[in-house]
């Protein structure tokens, strides 16, 4: 019985961690919208969007991650797969920051937190209970 409650705690922790990750991503986008010269771009980087457009995309993506976190914390059945997809995409997006020389520590932190959430969701989903 203790094992079930332990993994339920991990899944709830993963949900709240997704909420925190989404909030941080949202504010990264908000900073890019408000101050488009805040993020440093070098001449050898490929820039598809201007920083304001990138900021809006990140704000929307942050909201999606926040929704995944709330759904996961509430124990919804569909939230597992939604969180796996969103977490995997976020993991790949954070890899783009690792390639940039300006923010590698921040990107590695995002990668580690997302990997922790994916671990909690994939390994023992059967032990979940609604926590909200």
Foldseek 3Di string as FASTA:
>chain_A
DVVLVVLQVLQLVLLVLLLVLLVVLLVCLVCCQVPVVPDDDDPPDDDPDRSNVVSVVSNVLSVQSNVLSVCSLQLDPVSLVSLLVSLVVQLVVLVVVCPDPPDNVVSVVSNVSSVSSNCSSPPCSVSHDGDD
